[in-house]
């Protein structure tokens, strides 16, 4: 057995090939897949994939995906398991769990109607959402902008026209 984090759930069987891959920066895709199959609900993931491909992905779906990703553990650890992450410069990424909590708080401060159709969120609704989650209107705007960019990227990926931004 080997400890991969400071918590009790960070104990996993020792496999020399996997460990060598991690040390050499080649990732550990097998461990990532194993972890994902333990945590992620397959039916929900398929449903979300279909919605992404059809362009009907909304903030409600985004929130569900975020909660499932949170169950996988710290995102930094997941990124380290990806092959080639070091070459792409992803090995030094720090994702603040507070930021994820802020995103969740913003979405939970919205009405179900706003989550299903973010286009209806105008200035007065943004102010109410910001007050409801204890953050600024700029934070709400930032989330909505990032969500729209993500939706656009998903549509491009589904149609096969996706080009990496870097």
Protein backbone atom coordinates (compact mmCIF):
# COMPACT_ATOMS: atom_id res chain seq x y z
CA UNK A 1 0.00 0.00 0.00
CA UNK A 2 1.07 3.57 -0.62
CA UNK A 3 -0.20 6.89 0.69
CA UNK A 4 -0.98 9.45 -2.02
CA UNK A 5 -2.40 12.15 0.23
CA UNK A 6 -2.52 13.12 3.87
CA UNK A 7 -6.00 11.71 4.44
CA UNK A 8 -7.09 8.14 5.05
CA UNK A 9 -8.81 7.89 1.67
CA UNK A 10 -5.42 8.55 0.06
CA UNK A 11 -4.20 4.99 0.53
CA UNK A 12 -4.07 2.79 -2.55
CA UNK A 13 -2.34 -0.43 -3.64
CA UNK A 14 1.27 0.04 -4.72
CA UNK A 15 1.96 -0.64 -8.39
CA UNK A 16 5.57 0.00 -9.49
CA UNK A 17 4.64 0.75 -13.14
CA UNK A 18 2.05 3.33 -12.13
CA UNK A 19 4.43 4.92 -9.65
CA UNK A 20 7.18 5.13 -12.29
CA UNK A 21 4.72 6.75 -14.68
CA UNK A 22 3.80 9.37 -12.10
CA UNK A 23 7.43 10.12 -11.28
CA UNK A 24 8.36 10.43 -14.96
CA UNK A 25 5.43 12.76 -15.60
CA UNK A 26 3.58 10.28 -17.81
CA UNK A 27 0.53 10.36 -15.55
CA UNK A 28 -1.56 7.50 -14.24
CA UNK A 29 -4.61 7.27 -16.44
CA UNK A 30 -5.57 3.87 -14.99
CA UNK A 31 -5.85 5.29 -11.47
CA UNK A 32 -7.83 8.24 -12.82
CA UNK A 33 -10.29 5.93 -14.57
CA UNK A 34 -10.60 3.71 -11.49
CA UNK A 35 -11.32 6.71 -9.30
CA UNK A 36 -13.85 8.08 -11.79
CA UNK A 37 -15.75 4.79 -12.06
CA UNK A 38 -16.05 4.64 -8.27
CA UNK A 39 -17.50 8.13 -7.93
CA UNK A 40 -19.27 9.17 -11.13
CA UNK A 41 -22.80 8.03 -11.91
CA UNK A 42 -22.64 6.60 -15.45
CA UNK A 43 -26.23 7.42 -16.43
CA UNK A 44 -25.89 11.01 -15.28
CA UNK A 45 -22.57 11.38 -17.14
CA UNK A 46 -24.12 10.06 -20.38
CA UNK A 47 -27.05 12.42 -20.01
CA UNK A 48 -24.70 15.37 -19.47
CA UNK A 49 -22.61 14.36 -22.49
CA UNK A 50 -25.69 14.31 -24.72
CA UNK A 51 -26.74 17.72 -23.43
CA UNK A 52 -23.25 19.11 -24.05
CA UNK A 53 -23.20 17.81 -27.60
CA UNK A 54 -26.66 19.19 -28.37
CA UNK A 55 -25.88 22.59 -26.81
CA UNK A 56 -28.59 22.25 -24.13
CA UNK A 57 -26.15 22.18 -21.22
CA UNK A 58 -27.34 24.56 -18.47
CA UNK A 59 -26.14 25.75 -15.06
CA UNK A 60 -28.10 22.98 -13.32
CA UNK A 61 -26.10 20.38 -15.29
CA UNK A 62 -22.90 22.30 -14.61
CA UNK A 63 -23.60 22.22 -10.87
CA UNK A 64 -24.19 18.44 -10.98
CA UNK A 65 -20.90 17.94 -12.86
CA UNK A 66 -19.03 20.14 -10.38
CA UNK A 67 -20.35 18.11 -7.46
CA UNK A 68 -19.24 14.87 -9.10
CA UNK A 69 -15.79 16.28 -9.84
CA UNK A 70 -15.51 17.40 -6.22
CA UNK A 71 -16.06 13.79 -5.13
CA UNK A 72 -12.93 12.78 -7.08
CA UNK A 73 -10.76 14.85 -4.77
CA UNK A 74 -8.51 17.87 -5.31
CA UNK A 75 -8.31 18.82 -8.98
CA UNK A 76 -4.55 19.29 -8.76
CA UNK A 77 -4.19 15.56 -8.04
CA UNK A 78 -6.44 14.66 -10.98
CA UNK A 79 -4.48 16.87 -13.35
CA UNK A 80 -1.22 15.23 -12.27
CA UNK A 81 -2.66 11.85 -13.35
CA UNK A 82 -3.16 13.04 -16.93
CA UNK A 83 -0.46 11.95 -19.38
CA UNK A 84 1.52 14.93 -20.69
CA UNK A 85 0.21 17.32 -18.03
CA UNK A 86 3.76 18.37 -17.18
CA UNK A 87 4.60 19.11 -20.83
CA UNK A 88 1.49 21.28 -21.17
CA UNK A 89 2.45 23.23 -18.04
CA UNK A 90 -0.47 21.89 -16.02
CA UNK A 91 1.64 20.48 -13.19
CA UNK A 92 1.81 23.77 -11.24
CA UNK A 93 -1.88 24.62 -11.36
CA UNK A 94 -3.43 25.51 -8.02
CA UNK A 95 -7.21 25.39 -7.91
CA UNK A 96 -8.62 27.12 -4.89
CA UNK A 97 -11.44 25.08 -3.32
CA UNK A 98 -12.93 28.38 -2.14
CA UNK A 99 -13.34 29.42 -5.76
CA UNK A 100 -15.31 26.25 -6.49
CA UNK A 101 -17.43 26.94 -3.40
CA UNK A 102 -18.09 30.48 -4.70
CA UNK A 103 -19.24 29.12 -8.07
CA UNK A 104 -21.53 26.67 -6.30
CA UNK A 105 -22.91 29.45 -4.07
CA UNK A 106 -23.63 31.66 -7.09
CA UNK A 107 -25.50 28.89 -8.90
CA UNK A 108 -27.44 27.88 -5.78
CA UNK A 109 -28.51 31.53 -5.33
CA UNK A 110 -30.26 31.40 -8.69
CA UNK A 111 -33.83 30.27 -9.20
CA UNK A 112 -34.36 26.98 -11.06
CA UNK A 113 -35.67 29.01 -14.02
CA UNK A 114 -32.44 31.06 -14.11
CA UNK A 115 -30.30 27.92 -13.93
CA UNK A 116 -32.16 26.39 -16.88
CA UNK A 117 -32.01 29.59 -18.93
CA UNK A 118 -29.07 31.84 -17.92
CA UNK A 119 -29.90 34.27 -20.76
CA UNK A 120 -32.74 35.76 -18.67
CA UNK A 121 -30.29 36.95 -16.00
CA UNK A 122 -30.10 40.73 -16.34
CA UNK A 123 -28.81 43.45 -13.95
CA UNK A 124 -31.52 43.25 -11.26
CA UNK A 125 -31.30 39.44 -11.12
CA UNK A 126 -27.50 39.60 -10.96
CA UNK A 127 -27.75 41.97 -8.00
CA UNK A 128 -30.17 39.63 -6.21
CA UNK A 129 -27.95 36.59 -6.93
CA UNK A 130 -24.86 38.46 -5.69
CA UNK A 131 -26.62 39.40 -2.45
CA UNK A 132 -27.89 35.85 -2.03
CA UNK A 133 -24.44 34.30 -2.26
CA UNK A 134 -22.53 37.09 -0.52
CA UNK A 135 -20.33 37.87 -3.51
CA UNK A 136 -20.05 40.78 -5.93
CA UNK A 137 -21.98 41.29 -9.16
CA UNK A 138 -18.60 41.07 -10.94
CA UNK A 139 -18.19 37.50 -9.66
CA UNK A 140 -21.64 36.61 -11.00
CA UNK A 141 -20.77 38.21 -14.36
CA UNK A 142 -17.47 36.35 -14.46
CA UNK A 143 -19.20 32.99 -13.88
CA UNK A 144 -21.83 33.66 -16.54
CA UNK A 145 -19.16 34.71 -19.06
CA UNK A 146 -17.05 31.63 -18.34
CA UNK A 147 -20.11 29.41 -18.63
CA UNK A 148 -20.98 30.88 -22.04
CA UNK A 149 -17.38 30.38 -23.23
CA UNK A 150 -17.49 26.79 -22.01
CA UNK A 151 -20.78 26.16 -23.84
CA UNK A 152 -19.32 27.59 -27.05
CA UNK A 153 -16.23 25.38 -26.69
CA UNK A 154 -18.40 22.28 -26.12
CA UNK A 155 -20.39 23.02 -29.28
CA UNK A 156 -17.14 23.35 -31.24
CA UNK A 157 -15.86 20.07 -29.82
CA UNK A 158 -19.11 18.29 -30.69
CA UNK A 159 -18.99 19.57 -34.28
CA UNK A 160 -15.28 18.76 -34.63
CA UNK A 161 -14.24 22.39 -35.17
CA UNK A 162 -12.43 22.84 -31.86
CA UNK A 163 -9.05 24.53 -31.95
CA UNK A 164 -6.90 24.81 -28.86
CA UNK A 165 -6.65 28.47 -27.70
CA UNK A 166 -2.88 28.29 -27.04
